[in-house]
Structure formats: structure tokens, C-alpha cells
């Protein structure tokens, strides 16, 4: 059964979604549309293809000292990073051309790996904030690509408190799943993208990461939103918290009509967890667990960041943050 492909802004360059069996070959990283000091580095060839011309870049610099810092956990999967984090960054850059868009990762392990393996330099949060202050940025909007207000979001908020005096205005935007309306938007985005699998015989399961923080409640809440909207064949689980894989397996097994299971990550990036914990061949992967129960299993290695509806929701949160400054 062929996956229905929604339009994404980088699809023409980097191709269609990644399915199980396709390699995650290292490729050049994306260059932001309004690049400035502190944005992700790229090869000279990539820069020549995607960097704006000198006049455009100069105009953007002269227009002012306002920037949007997009903060992500990060990934060492280069192609997935371009299709997900890069797509969100580009959507924000398109929506707010008067702002310079910059990148920061929270995972120092990933930052160090990319520097050593690829020669790719990406700032951590403190480095990005120091750089923004040194560059004379006066208005800074920080948009996290986190799903929830978990520990990483709290750490980011704490870090910003130490830098508020260095900017005229600095505001932290909301993560993906914040308001009640966000859950309906995300439910609509993921069901629209997987609509071709909705045949009455297929269970569509999304695997999130999970957290010990109270914010883990976003997973059962998203399940409730799906069920309330009539999507009884959609199931939400996590790798490291609840609902667990066993919970999802039990829920799917309660409907004897299901013969096929589709697995997709409920994560911005399709990285290590999606490749191994979800779609891996080891006995403890979700794929192997469902296959052992007799289901036909199809894995879609596609992060939420590739979904145009998800990109729009991040843009909406960025707009809300900008509006809060202007009030």
C-alpha cells in the first residue's frame, strides 16, 4: 500500500519520505534561508546552492537586530535533519522574512559527534545566546521544536532567564503540544498524512519518546483527541514511559479485525529511536513485537517535522510569541 505524501517544502530537493529498508546516508546539511553567524555550517557546494545572494543577505542584516533562534534536541541523521528540523526552520524563515533564523541544539553529544564526523559546527543554547548578544541582536524569539514542556523545555527557560538583561526583548515560544487546540491540530495533521492506511484492517501506531516529567501526559491526551475525533484505529505509545509498547499491543489486540500495523515515530526527527527501537530487527523493537503476534508490519521512517501541518503549528507558536512582544 502506497503512503500518501503531503507536500513539504524540502521534498523537491531531498526526495520522498524514508521507509524501512532505505539508508540514512549522510548528506549535506540545510542552510537556513536567512543565514547569519551561528547558523548551521554546510559544505561550500551546498552553500552556493542555497545561500541568498549578497544583496539579500546584506539587506536582512541591515534591517535590524531581531532573530528567531530555533532550538532542537538535534540528530546525527543528516538526511532526516534536513527533512525535519531544516523544514521547520525554513517554514519559520518563510513566515518571518524580517527575522534572521538561527539554529541551536540541546544535545552536546550530537553537537560533538557532528563536529568530529562531519566538520559541522552547531551552537548549543548558551553559545547561541552568547553569539546573538555579541552580534547586537536586540529582539530574540526562541522557538523550541520540543513536543512538550518537559525537562528540556524547563532547562531552556532557565537558560533564557540568565540572558534577559542582554536583550531588549527575549521571549520563549510554546512547544508543539501546549493548548487544547494544539492536540486537535496535531491529531488532524497525522491522520491526514496517513489517511490511505485507514482501511478498517490497519492499526496505525505512533511511537513517542516518553519522559518522567509530568508533561508525559501529552501522550494519553493526544490519544484522547484522536479517539474523540473518531480515529479509533490510531494508537499512541512511548519508548521510555507510558503508554508502553505493551499497552499499545494490548489496545491493538482488542480489535480482532486488525491484520496490519503501521508504525511511525511521534518525534520531530526520525532518528535513532525510530530506526532501532521502532523499526529495528532486534527482538525488542516494536516491529518485531507486532510481527511476533502475527501482524503484517509496515514502518514509516518519517519525523513529524516533515509534516506540513506540524510546521504550520510551530509557525503559529512563533507568531504568538512575536505578538506578545508587540503588545
C-alpha atoms as a PDB file:
ATOM      1  CA  UNK A   1       0.000   0.000   0.000  1.00  0.00           C
ATOM      2  CA  UNK A   2       1.489   3.279  -1.007  1.00  0.00           C
ATOM      3  CA  UNK A   3       1.831   6.078   1.540  1.00  0.00           C
ATOM      4  CA  UNK A   4       0.019   9.266   0.706  1.00  0.00           C
ATOM      5  CA  UNK A   5       2.606  12.032   0.511  1.00  0.00           C
ATOM      6  CA  UNK A   6       1.680  15.502   1.710  1.00  0.00           C
ATOM      7  CA  UNK A   7       3.601  18.421   0.281  1.00  0.00           C
ATOM      8  CA  UNK A   8       6.666  19.501   2.232  1.00  0.00           C
ATOM      9  CA  UNK A   9       8.904  22.363   1.335  1.00  0.00           C
ATOM     10  CA  UNK A  10      12.074  20.342   1.003  1.00  0.00           C
ATOM     11  CA  UNK A  11      10.642  17.380  -0.839  1.00  0.00           C
ATOM     12  CA  UNK A  12      11.682  18.598  -4.284  1.00  0.00           C
ATOM     13  CA  UNK A  13      15.292  18.769  -3.175  1.00  0.00           C
ATOM     14  CA  UNK A  14      15.734  15.751  -0.961  1.00  0.00           C
ATOM     15  CA  UNK A  15      13.088  13.354  -2.247  1.00  0.00           C
ATOM     16  CA  UNK A  16      10.233  11.432  -0.719  1.00  0.00           C
ATOM     17  CA  UNK A  17       9.764  10.087   2.803  1.00  0.00           C
ATOM     18  CA  UNK A  18      12.183   7.494   4.193  1.00  0.00           C
ATOM     19  CA  UNK A  19      10.732   3.987   4.515  1.00  0.00           C
ATOM     20  CA  UNK A  20      12.201   0.955   6.250  1.00  0.00           C
ATOM     21  CA  UNK A  21      14.980  -0.534   4.201  1.00  0.00           C
ATOM     22  CA  UNK A  22      16.135   2.823   2.858  1.00  0.00           C
ATOM     23  CA  UNK A  23      19.519   4.004   4.074  1.00  0.00           C
ATOM     24  CA  UNK A  24      20.091   7.170   6.070  1.00  0.00           C
ATOM     25  CA  UNK A  25      23.158   8.205   4.137  1.00  0.00           C
ATOM     26  CA  UNK A  26      24.954  11.228   5.419  1.00  0.00           C
ATOM     27  CA  UNK A  27      24.214  14.214   3.221  1.00  0.00           C
ATOM     28  CA  UNK A  28      24.914  17.937   3.327  1.00  0.00           C
ATOM     29  CA  UNK A  29      23.051  19.843   5.976  1.00  0.00           C
ATOM     30  CA  UNK A  30      20.482  22.503   5.193  1.00  0.00           C
ATOM     31  CA  UNK A  31      21.444  26.147   5.152  1.00  0.00           C
ATOM     32  CA  UNK A  32      18.796  28.454   6.543  1.00  0.00           C
ATOM     33  CA  UNK A  33      17.145  30.901   4.199  1.00  0.00           C
ATOM     34  CA  UNK A  34      18.199  33.927   6.279  1.00  0.00           C
ATOM     35  CA  UNK A  35      21.567  32.653   7.483  1.00  0.00           C
ATOM     36  CA  UNK A  36      23.748  34.567   9.886  1.00  0.00           C
ATOM     37  CA  UNK A  37      26.624  33.897  12.223  1.00  0.00           C
ATOM     38  CA  UNK A  38      25.788  30.908  14.369  1.00  0.00           C
ATOM     39  CA  UNK A  39      23.570  29.078  11.884  1.00  0.00           C
ATOM     40  CA  UNK A  40      24.435  25.539  10.837  1.00  0.00           C
ATOM     41  CA  UNK A  41      27.531  25.223   8.695  1.00  0.00           C
ATOM     42  CA  UNK A  42      27.355  23.488   5.319  1.00  0.00           C
ATOM     43  CA  UNK A  43      29.618  22.412   2.527  1.00  0.00           C
ATOM     44  CA  UNK A  44      30.705  25.059   0.050  1.00  0.00           C
ATOM     45  CA  UNK A  45      28.697  23.362  -2.686  1.00  0.00           C
ATOM     46  CA  UNK A  46      25.512  23.377  -0.605  1.00  0.00           C
ATOM     47  CA  UNK A  47      26.079  26.965   0.424  1.00  0.00           C
ATOM     48  CA  UNK A  48      26.385  28.058  -3.205  1.00  0.00           C
ATOM     49  CA  UNK A  49      23.054  26.426  -3.998  1.00  0.00           C
ATOM     50  CA  UNK A  50      21.007  27.644  -1.020  1.00  0.00           C
ATOM     51  CA  UNK A  51      22.548  30.809   0.384  1.00  0.00           C
ATOM     52  CA  UNK A  52      20.776  34.059  -0.553  1.00  0.00           C
ATOM     53  CA  UNK A  53      22.649  36.480  -2.742  1.00  0.00           C
ATOM     54  CA  UNK A  54      24.851  39.107  -1.142  1.00  0.00           C
ATOM     55  CA  UNK A  55      22.307  41.910  -1.535  1.00  0.00           C
ATOM     56  CA  UNK A  56      19.547  39.908   0.104  1.00  0.00           C
ATOM     57  CA  UNK A  57      21.784  38.844   2.980  1.00  0.00           C
ATOM     58  CA  UNK A  58      23.047  42.406   3.484  1.00  0.00           C
ATOM     59  CA  UNK A  59      19.519  43.820   3.470  1.00  0.00           C
ATOM     60  CA  UNK A  60      18.476  41.274   6.069  1.00  0.00           C
ATOM     61  CA  UNK A  61      21.390  42.209   8.295  1.00  0.00           C
ATOM     62  CA  UNK A  62      20.728  45.930   7.991  1.00  0.00           C
ATOM     63  CA  UNK A  63      17.022  45.586   8.685  1.00  0.00           C
ATOM     64  CA  UNK A  64      17.605  45.237  12.325  1.00  0.00           C
ATOM     65  CA  UNK A  65      18.680  43.235  15.198  1.00  0.00           C
ATOM     66  CA  UNK A  66      15.903  40.716  15.502  1.00  0.00           C
ATOM     67  CA  UNK A  67      16.305  36.983  15.285  1.00  0.00           C
ATOM     68  CA  UNK A  68      14.450  33.730  15.842  1.00  0.00           C
ATOM     69  CA  UNK A  69      16.511  31.011  17.478  1.00  0.00           C
ATOM     70  CA  UNK A  70      15.074  27.575  16.688  1.00  0.00           C
ATOM     71  CA  UNK A  71      16.174  25.165  19.406  1.00  0.00           C
ATOM     72  CA  UNK A  72      16.050  21.402  18.814  1.00  0.00           C
ATOM     73  CA  UNK A  73      17.401  18.358  20.591  1.00  0.00           C
ATOM     74  CA  UNK A  74      19.302  17.558  17.407  1.00  0.00           C
ATOM     75  CA  UNK A  75      20.130  14.432  15.431  1.00  0.00           C
ATOM     76  CA  UNK A  76      23.158  12.907  13.757  1.00  0.00           C
ATOM     77  CA  UNK A  77      20.975  11.571  10.928  1.00  0.00           C
ATOM     78  CA  UNK A  78      21.830  14.181   8.326  1.00  0.00           C
ATOM     79  CA  UNK A  79      19.104  13.497   5.795  1.00  0.00           C
ATOM     80  CA  UNK A  80      16.373  13.323   8.413  1.00  0.00           C
ATOM     81  CA  UNK A  81      17.686  16.528   9.991  1.00  0.00           C
ATOM     82  CA  UNK A  82      17.281  18.375   6.705  1.00  0.00           C
ATOM     83  CA  UNK A  83      13.790  16.997   6.138  1.00  0.00           C
ATOM     84  CA  UNK A  84      12.553  17.746   9.662  1.00  0.00           C
ATOM     85  CA  UNK A  85      14.421  20.365  11.694  1.00  0.00           C
ATOM     86  CA  UNK A  86      15.526  22.090   8.496  1.00  0.00           C
ATOM     87  CA  UNK A  87      11.967  22.122   7.170  1.00  0.00           C
ATOM     88  CA  UNK A  88      10.633  23.701  10.368  1.00  0.00           C
ATOM     89  CA  UNK A  89      13.384  26.319  10.308  1.00  0.00           C
ATOM     90  CA  UNK A  90      12.679  27.114   6.672  1.00  0.00           C
ATOM     91  CA  UNK A  91       8.932  27.378   7.325  1.00  0.00           C
ATOM     92  CA  UNK A  92       9.663  29.899  10.078  1.00  0.00           C
ATOM     93  CA  UNK A  93      12.110  31.794   7.846  1.00  0.00           C
ATOM     94  CA  UNK A  94       9.485  31.994   5.084  1.00  0.00           C
ATOM     95  CA  UNK A  95       6.831  33.235   7.512  1.00  0.00           C
ATOM     96  CA  UNK A  96       9.025  35.899   9.127  1.00  0.00           C
ATOM     97  CA  UNK A  97      11.448  37.267   6.495  1.00  0.00           C
ATOM     98  CA  UNK A  98      12.187  40.303   8.654  1.00  0.00           C
ATOM     99  CA  UNK A  99      13.833  37.995  11.216  1.00  0.00           C
ATOM    100  CA  UNK A 100      17.131  36.186  10.932  1.00  0.00           C
ATOM    101  CA  UNK A 101      16.640  32.496  11.747  1.00  0.00           C
ATOM    102  CA  UNK A 102      19.334  30.728  13.713  1.00  0.00           C
ATOM    103  CA  UNK A 103      19.816  27.172  14.993  1.00  0.00           C
ATOM    104  CA  UNK A 104      20.852  25.646  18.305  1.00  0.00           C
ATOM    105  CA  UNK A 105      20.832  22.053  19.602  1.00  0.00           C
ATOM    106  CA  UNK A 106      20.457  20.990  23.215  1.00  0.00           C
ATOM    107  CA  UNK A 107      22.299  17.664  22.909  1.00  0.00           C
ATOM    108  CA  UNK A 108      26.019  18.257  23.350  1.00  0.00           C
ATOM    109  CA  UNK A 109      26.674  14.626  22.421  1.00  0.00           C
ATOM    110  CA  UNK A 110      25.111  15.180  18.999  1.00  0.00           C
ATOM    111  CA  UNK A 111      26.871  18.534  18.571  1.00  0.00           C
ATOM    112  CA  UNK A 112      30.239  16.916  19.305  1.00  0.00           C
ATOM    113  CA  UNK A 113      29.536  13.953  17.016  1.00  0.00           C
ATOM    114  CA  UNK A 114      28.618  16.193  14.081  1.00  0.00           C
ATOM    115  CA  UNK A 115      31.735  18.312  14.608  1.00  0.00           C
ATOM    116  CA  UNK A 116      34.030  15.294  14.729  1.00  0.00           C
ATOM    117  CA  UNK A 117      32.362  13.235  11.990  1.00  0.00           C
ATOM    118  CA  UNK A 118      31.259  15.899   9.518  1.00  0.00           C
ATOM    119  CA  UNK A 119      33.075  19.066  10.496  1.00  0.00           C
ATOM    120  CA  UNK A 120      29.643  20.592  11.105  1.00  0.00           C
ATOM    121  CA  UNK A 121      29.566  23.301  13.780  1.00  0.00           C
ATOM    122  CA  UNK A 122      26.256  23.861  15.568  1.00  0.00           C
ATOM    123  CA  UNK A 123      25.849  26.008  18.674  1.00  0.00           C
ATOM    124  CA  UNK A 124      24.470  24.742  21.931  1.00  0.00           C
ATOM    125  CA  UNK A 125      21.966  27.039  23.642  1.00  0.00           C
ATOM    126  CA  UNK A 126      24.482  29.037  25.645  1.00  0.00           C
ATOM    127  CA  UNK A 127      26.756  29.516  22.642  1.00  0.00           C
ATOM    128  CA  UNK A 128      23.822  30.634  20.511  1.00  0.00           C
ATOM    129  CA  UNK A 129      22.694  33.143  23.138  1.00  0.00           C
ATOM    130  CA  UNK A 130      26.221  34.477  23.599  1.00  0.00           C
ATOM    131  CA  UNK A 131      26.573  34.826  19.843  1.00  0.00           C
ATOM    132  CA  UNK A 132      23.254  36.622  19.496  1.00  0.00           C
ATOM    133  CA  UNK A 133      24.199  39.094  22.219  1.00  0.00           C
ATOM    134  CA  UNK A 134      27.647  39.650  20.693  1.00  0.00           C
ATOM    135  CA  UNK A 135      26.077  40.255  17.280  1.00  0.00           C
ATOM    136  CA  UNK A 136      23.908  43.017  18.675  1.00  0.00           C
ATOM    137  CA  UNK A 137      20.570  41.203  18.454  1.00  0.00           C
ATOM    138  CA  UNK A 138      18.039  43.245  20.400  1.00  0.00           C
ATOM    139  CA  UNK A 139      14.859  41.217  19.879  1.00  0.00           C
ATOM    140  CA  UNK A 140      15.185  37.457  20.246  1.00  0.00           C
ATOM    141  CA  UNK A 141      12.391  34.924  19.836  1.00  0.00           C
ATOM    142  CA  UNK A 142      13.287  31.403  20.914  1.00  0.00           C
ATOM    143  CA  UNK A 143      11.180  28.687  19.279  1.00  0.00           C
ATOM    144  CA  UNK A 144      11.776  25.173  20.599  1.00  0.00           C
ATOM    145  CA  UNK A 145      10.872  22.181  18.475  1.00  0.00           C
ATOM    146  CA  UNK A 146      10.133  20.182  21.622  1.00  0.00           C
ATOM    147  CA  UNK A 147       6.818  18.360  21.785  1.00  0.00           C
ATOM    148  CA  UNK A 148       6.020  19.367  25.351  1.00  0.00           C
ATOM    149  CA  UNK A 149       7.005  21.397  28.389  1.00  0.00           C
ATOM    150  CA  UNK A 150       9.268  18.697  29.743  1.00  0.00           C
ATOM    151  CA  UNK A 151      12.682  18.858  31.348  1.00  0.00           C
ATOM    152  CA  UNK A 152      14.436  20.203  28.258  1.00  0.00           C
ATOM    153  CA  UNK A 153      11.908  22.997  27.862  1.00  0.00           C
ATOM    154  CA  UNK A 154      12.343  23.914  31.532  1.00  0.00           C
ATOM    155  CA  UNK A 155      16.133  23.953  31.140  1.00  0.00           C
ATOM    156  CA  UNK A 156      15.761  26.215  28.114  1.00  0.00           C
ATOM    157  CA  UNK A 157      13.509  28.606  30.032  1.00  0.00           C
ATOM    158  CA  UNK A 158      16.036  28.706  32.883  1.00  0.00           C
ATOM    159  CA  UNK A 159      18.879  29.450  30.480  1.00  0.00           C
ATOM    160  CA  UNK A 160      16.976  32.378  28.995  1.00  0.00           C
ATOM    161  CA  UNK A 161      16.473  33.918  32.428  1.00  0.00           C
ATOM    162  CA  UNK A 162      20.231  34.399  32.691  1.00  0.00           C
ATOM    163  CA  UNK A 163      20.331  36.271  29.356  1.00  0.00           C
ATOM    164  CA  UNK A 164      17.309  38.551  29.574  1.00  0.00           C
ATOM    165  CA  UNK A 165      19.404  41.554  30.521  1.00  0.00           C
ATOM    166  CA  UNK A 166      21.440  41.184  27.318  1.00  0.00           C
ATOM    167  CA  UNK A 167      18.470  41.805  25.004  1.00  0.00           C
ATOM    168  CA  UNK A 168      15.808  44.466  24.811  1.00  0.00           C
ATOM    169  CA  UNK A 169      13.204  41.753  24.277  1.00  0.00           C
ATOM    170  CA  UNK A 170      13.512  37.987  24.574  1.00  0.00           C
ATOM    171  CA  UNK A 171      10.595  35.580  24.567  1.00  0.00           C
ATOM    172  CA  UNK A 172      10.279  31.812  24.685  1.00  0.00           C
ATOM    173  CA  UNK A 173       7.603  30.401  22.365  1.00  0.00           C
ATOM    174  CA  UNK A 174       5.460  27.390  23.180  1.00  0.00           C
ATOM    175  CA  UNK A 175       6.380  23.796  22.252  1.00  0.00           C
ATOM    176  CA  UNK A 176       4.236  21.765  19.869  1.00  0.00           C
ATOM    177  CA  UNK A 177       1.615  20.366  22.250  1.00  0.00           C
ATOM    178  CA  UNK A 178       0.566  23.144  24.607  1.00  0.00           C
ATOM    179  CA  UNK A 179      -3.051  24.317  24.248  1.00  0.00           C
ATOM    180  CA  UNK A 180      -6.100  22.098  23.840  1.00  0.00           C
ATOM    181  CA  UNK A 181      -6.343  23.297  20.251  1.00  0.00           C
ATOM    182  CA  UNK A 182      -2.795  22.074  19.569  1.00  0.00           C
ATOM    183  CA  UNK A 183      -3.834  18.478  20.204  1.00  0.00           C
ATOM    184  CA  UNK A 184      -6.635  18.706  17.646  1.00  0.00           C
ATOM    185  CA  UNK A 185      -4.265  20.264  15.105  1.00  0.00           C
ATOM    186  CA  UNK A 186      -1.662  17.529  15.607  1.00  0.00           C
ATOM    187  CA  UNK A 187      -4.309  14.808  15.501  1.00  0.00           C
ATOM    188  CA  UNK A 188      -5.584  16.211  12.213  1.00  0.00           C
ATOM    189  CA  UNK A 189      -2.057  16.524  10.789  1.00  0.00           C
ATOM    190  CA  UNK A 190      -1.010  12.934  11.496  1.00  0.00           C
ATOM    191  CA  UNK A 191      -4.323  11.370  10.449  1.00  0.00           C
ATOM    192  CA  UNK A 192      -4.435  13.357   7.214  1.00  0.00           C
ATOM    193  CA  UNK A 193      -0.927  12.230   6.330  1.00  0.00           C
ATOM    194  CA  UNK A 194      -1.732   8.559   6.986  1.00  0.00           C
ATOM    195  CA  UNK A 195      -5.286   8.533   5.623  1.00  0.00           C
ATOM    196  CA  UNK A 196      -4.526   5.969   2.916  1.00  0.00           C
ATOM    197  CA  UNK A 197      -3.911   3.345   5.612  1.00  0.00           C
ATOM    198  CA  UNK A 198      -7.339   3.855   7.175  1.00  0.00           C
ATOM    199  CA  UNK A 199      -8.988   0.743   5.710  1.00  0.00           C
ATOM    200  CA  UNK A 200     -10.585  -0.809   8.783  1.00  0.00           C
ATOM    201  CA  UNK A 201      -7.975  -3.573   8.954  1.00  0.00           C
ATOM    202  CA  UNK A 202      -4.932  -1.489   9.831  1.00  0.00           C
ATOM    203  CA  UNK A 203      -3.850  -0.170  13.225  1.00  0.00           C
ATOM    204  CA  UNK A 204      -1.749   2.994  12.921  1.00  0.00           C
ATOM    205  CA  UNK A 205       0.637   3.319  15.851  1.00  0.00           C
ATOM    206  CA  UNK A 206       2.818   6.318  16.704  1.00  0.00           C
ATOM    207  CA  UNK A 207       5.849   5.878  18.926  1.00  0.00           C
ATOM    208  CA  UNK A 208       6.848   8.817  21.145  1.00  0.00           C
ATOM    209  CA  UNK A 209       9.907   9.084  23.356  1.00  0.00           C
ATOM    210  CA  UNK A 210       8.298   9.472  26.759  1.00  0.00           C
ATOM    211  CA  UNK A 211       9.538  11.271  29.856  1.00  0.00           C
ATOM    212  CA  UNK A 212       9.440  11.030  33.639  1.00  0.00           C
ATOM    213  CA  UNK A 213       8.216  14.617  33.754  1.00  0.00           C
ATOM    214  CA  UNK A 214       4.555  15.436  34.329  1.00  0.00           C
ATOM    215  CA  UNK A 215       4.482  16.596  30.708  1.00  0.00           C
ATOM    216  CA  UNK A 216       4.310  12.910  29.705  1.00  0.00           C
ATOM    217  CA  UNK A 217       0.549  13.443  29.985  1.00  0.00           C
ATOM    218  CA  UNK A 218       0.606  14.812  26.422  1.00  0.00           C
ATOM    219  CA  UNK A 219       0.667  11.249  25.079  1.00  0.00           C
ATOM    220  CA  UNK A 220      -2.596  10.000  26.632  1.00  0.00           C
ATOM    221  CA  UNK A 221      -4.125  13.409  25.911  1.00  0.00           C
ATOM    222  CA  UNK A 222      -3.272  13.086  22.213  1.00  0.00           C
ATOM    223  CA  UNK A 223      -4.783   9.588  22.295  1.00  0.00           C
ATOM    224  CA  UNK A 224      -7.955  11.091  23.744  1.00  0.00           C
ATOM    225  CA  UNK A 225      -8.051  13.714  20.992  1.00  0.00           C
ATOM    226  CA  UNK A 226      -7.712  11.037  18.318  1.00  0.00           C
ATOM    227  CA  UNK A 227     -10.455   8.906  19.843  1.00  0.00           C
ATOM    228  CA  UNK A 228     -12.753  11.895  20.343  1.00  0.00           C
ATOM    229  CA  UNK A 229     -12.379  12.752  16.657  1.00  0.00           C
ATOM    230  CA  UNK A 230     -13.353   9.236  15.615  1.00  0.00           C
ATOM    231  CA  UNK A 231      -9.877   7.804  14.908  1.00  0.00           C
ATOM    232  CA  UNK A 232     -10.276   4.583  16.871  1.00  0.00           C
ATOM    233  CA  UNK A 233      -7.581   2.810  14.848  1.00  0.00           C
ATOM    234  CA  UNK A 234      -4.819   5.232  15.916  1.00  0.00           C
ATOM    235  CA  UNK A 235      -2.688   4.383  18.931  1.00  0.00           C
ATOM    236  CA  UNK A 236      -0.068   6.383  20.845  1.00  0.00           C
ATOM    237  CA  UNK A 237       2.770   4.814  22.838  1.00  0.00           C
ATOM    238  CA  UNK A 238       6.262   5.654  24.075  1.00  0.00           C
ATOM    239  CA  UNK A 239       9.710   4.082  24.246  1.00  0.00           C
ATOM    240  CA  UNK A 240      10.631   5.092  27.782  1.00  0.00           C
ATOM    241  CA  UNK A 241       7.388   5.840  29.607  1.00  0.00           C
ATOM    242  CA  UNK A 242       3.657   5.209  29.362  1.00  0.00           C
ATOM    243  CA  UNK A 243       1.715   4.227  27.376  1.00  0.00           C
ATOM    244  CA  UNK A 244       4.276   1.482  26.828  1.00  0.00           C
ATOM    245  CA  UNK A 245       4.642  -0.845  23.858  1.00  0.00           C
ATOM    246  CA  UNK A 246       2.767  -3.492  25.850  1.00  0.00           C
ATOM    247  CA  UNK A 247      -0.097  -1.043  26.365  1.00  0.00           C
ATOM    248  CA  UNK A 248      -0.278  -0.355  22.633  1.00  0.00           C
ATOM    249  CA  UNK A 249      -0.049  -4.059  21.755  1.00  0.00           C
ATOM    250  CA  UNK A 250      -2.942  -4.821  24.108  1.00  0.00           C
ATOM    251  CA  UNK A 251      -5.057  -1.978  22.719  1.00  0.00           C
ATOM    252  CA  UNK A 252      -4.464  -3.087  19.129  1.00  0.00           C
ATOM    253  CA  UNK A 253      -5.181  -6.716  20.013  1.00  0.00           C
ATOM    254  CA  UNK A 254      -8.592  -5.803  21.415  1.00  0.00           C
ATOM    255  CA  UNK A 255      -9.820  -5.367  17.816  1.00  0.00           C
ATOM    256  CA  UNK A 256      -9.658  -8.720  16.039  1.00  0.00           C
ATOM    257  CA  UNK A 257     -10.180  -7.075  12.628  1.00  0.00           C
ATOM    258  CA  UNK A 258      -6.661  -5.666  12.509  1.00  0.00           C
ATOM    259  CA  UNK A 259      -4.289  -7.657  10.328  1.00  0.00           C
ATOM    260  CA  UNK A 260      -1.735  -4.922   9.590  1.00  0.00           C
ATOM    261  CA  UNK A 261       0.138  -2.467  11.802  1.00  0.00           C
ATOM    262  CA  UNK A 262       1.719   0.740  10.528  1.00  0.00           C
ATOM    263  CA  UNK A 263       4.408   2.238  12.751  1.00  0.00           C
ATOM    264  CA  UNK A 264       5.560   5.857  12.649  1.00  0.00           C
ATOM    265  CA  UNK A 265       7.563   7.981  15.127  1.00  0.00           C
ATOM    266  CA  UNK A 266       5.783  10.654  17.147  1.00  0.00           C
ATOM    267  CA  UNK A 267       9.023  12.615  17.204  1.00  0.00           C
ATOM    268  CA  UNK A 268      10.166  15.655  15.281  1.00  0.00           C
ATOM    269  CA  UNK A 269      13.086  13.718  13.800  1.00  0.00           C
ATOM    270  CA  UNK A 270      13.206  10.152  12.525  1.00  0.00           C
ATOM    271  CA  UNK A 271      16.479   9.235  14.149  1.00  0.00           C
ATOM    272  CA  UNK A 272      17.932   6.504  16.328  1.00  0.00           C
ATOM    273  CA  UNK A 273      14.758   5.628  18.247  1.00  0.00           C
ATOM    274  CA  UNK A 274      12.708   5.352  15.068  1.00  0.00           C
ATOM    275  CA  UNK A 275      15.365   3.364  13.219  1.00  0.00           C
ATOM    276  CA  UNK A 276      16.149   0.939  16.032  1.00  0.00           C
ATOM    277  CA  UNK A 277      13.511   0.902  18.794  1.00  0.00           C
ATOM    278  CA  UNK A 278      10.629   1.157  16.349  1.00  0.00           C
ATOM    279  CA  UNK A 279      11.767  -0.312  13.025  1.00  0.00           C
ATOM    280  CA  UNK A 280      14.797  -2.357  14.037  1.00  0.00           C
ATOM    281  CA  UNK A 281      15.213  -6.096  13.553  1.00  0.00           C
ATOM    282  CA  UNK A 282      16.084  -6.793  17.182  1.00  0.00           C
ATOM    283  CA  UNK A 283      13.600  -8.832  19.211  1.00  0.00           C
ATOM    284  CA  UNK A 284      12.706  -5.899  21.457  1.00  0.00           C
ATOM    285  CA  UNK A 285      11.732  -3.482  18.671  1.00  0.00           C
ATOM    286  CA  UNK A 286       8.115  -2.516  18.072  1.00  0.00           C
ATOM    287  CA  UNK A 287       8.275  -4.027  14.592  1.00  0.00           C
ATOM    288  CA  UNK A 288       9.471  -7.370  15.896  1.00  0.00           C
ATOM    289  CA  UNK A 289       6.958  -7.344  18.733  1.00  0.00           C
ATOM    290  CA  UNK A 290       3.986  -6.860  16.429  1.00  0.00           C
ATOM    291  CA  UNK A 291       5.348  -9.319  13.863  1.00  0.00           C
ATOM    292  CA  UNK A 292       5.660 -11.962  16.590  1.00  0.00           C
ATOM    293  CA  UNK A 293       1.926 -11.562  17.207  1.00  0.00           C
ATOM    294  CA  UNK A 294       1.180 -12.322  13.560  1.00  0.00           C
ATOM    295  CA  UNK A 295       0.643  -8.814  12.225  1.00  0.00           C
ATOM    296  CA  UNK A 296       1.952  -7.598   8.913  1.00  0.00           C
ATOM    297  CA  UNK A 297       4.091  -4.583   9.851  1.00  0.00           C
ATOM    298  CA  UNK A 298       4.994  -1.520   7.789  1.00  0.00           C
ATOM    299  CA  UNK A 299       7.332   1.120   9.224  1.00  0.00           C
ATOM    300  CA  UNK A 300       7.400   4.725   8.076  1.00  0.00           C
ATOM    301  CA  UNK A 301      10.654   6.442   8.982  1.00  0.00           C
ATOM    302  CA  UNK A 302       9.295   9.956   8.787  1.00  0.00           C
ATOM    303  CA  UNK A 303       9.601  12.562  11.532  1.00  0.00           C
ATOM    304  CA  UNK A 304       6.834  14.969  12.492  1.00  0.00           C
ATOM    305  CA  UNK A 305       8.955  17.808  11.147  1.00  0.00           C
ATOM    306  CA  UNK A 306       8.225  16.581   7.617  1.00  0.00           C
ATOM    307  CA  UNK A 307       4.507  17.155   8.107  1.00  0.00           C
ATOM    308  CA  UNK A 308       3.328  20.496   6.684  1.00  0.00           C
ATOM    309  CA  UNK A 309       0.586  20.721   9.309  1.00  0.00           C
ATOM    310  CA  UNK A 310       3.159  20.366  12.098  1.00  0.00           C
ATOM    311  CA  UNK A 311       5.385  23.004  10.503  1.00  0.00           C
ATOM    312  CA  UNK A 312       2.443  25.415  10.392  1.00  0.00           C
ATOM    313  CA  UNK A 313       1.727  24.853  14.078  1.00  0.00           C
ATOM    314  CA  UNK A 314       5.303  25.767  15.007  1.00  0.00           C
ATOM    315  CA  UNK A 315       4.970  28.892  12.853  1.00  0.00           C
ATOM    316  CA  UNK A 316       1.749  29.729  14.700  1.00  0.00           C
ATOM    317  CA  UNK A 317       3.511  29.443  18.060  1.00  0.00           C
ATOM    318  CA  UNK A 318       6.303  31.684  16.787  1.00  0.00           C
ATOM    319  CA  UNK A 319       3.707  34.240  15.690  1.00  0.00           C
ATOM    320  CA  UNK A 320       2.102  34.154  19.130  1.00  0.00           C
ATOM    321  CA  UNK A 321       5.484  34.829  20.716  1.00  0.00           C
ATOM    322  CA  UNK A 322       6.152  37.752  18.386  1.00  0.00           C
ATOM    323  CA  UNK A 323       2.685  39.139  19.110  1.00  0.00           C
ATOM    324  CA  UNK A 324       3.405  39.003  22.844  1.00  0.00           C
ATOM    325  CA  UNK A 325       6.430  41.271  22.310  1.00  0.00           C
ATOM    326  CA  UNK A 326       4.497  43.762  20.239  1.00  0.00           C
ATOM    327  CA  UNK A 327       1.614  44.125  22.695  1.00  0.00           C
END
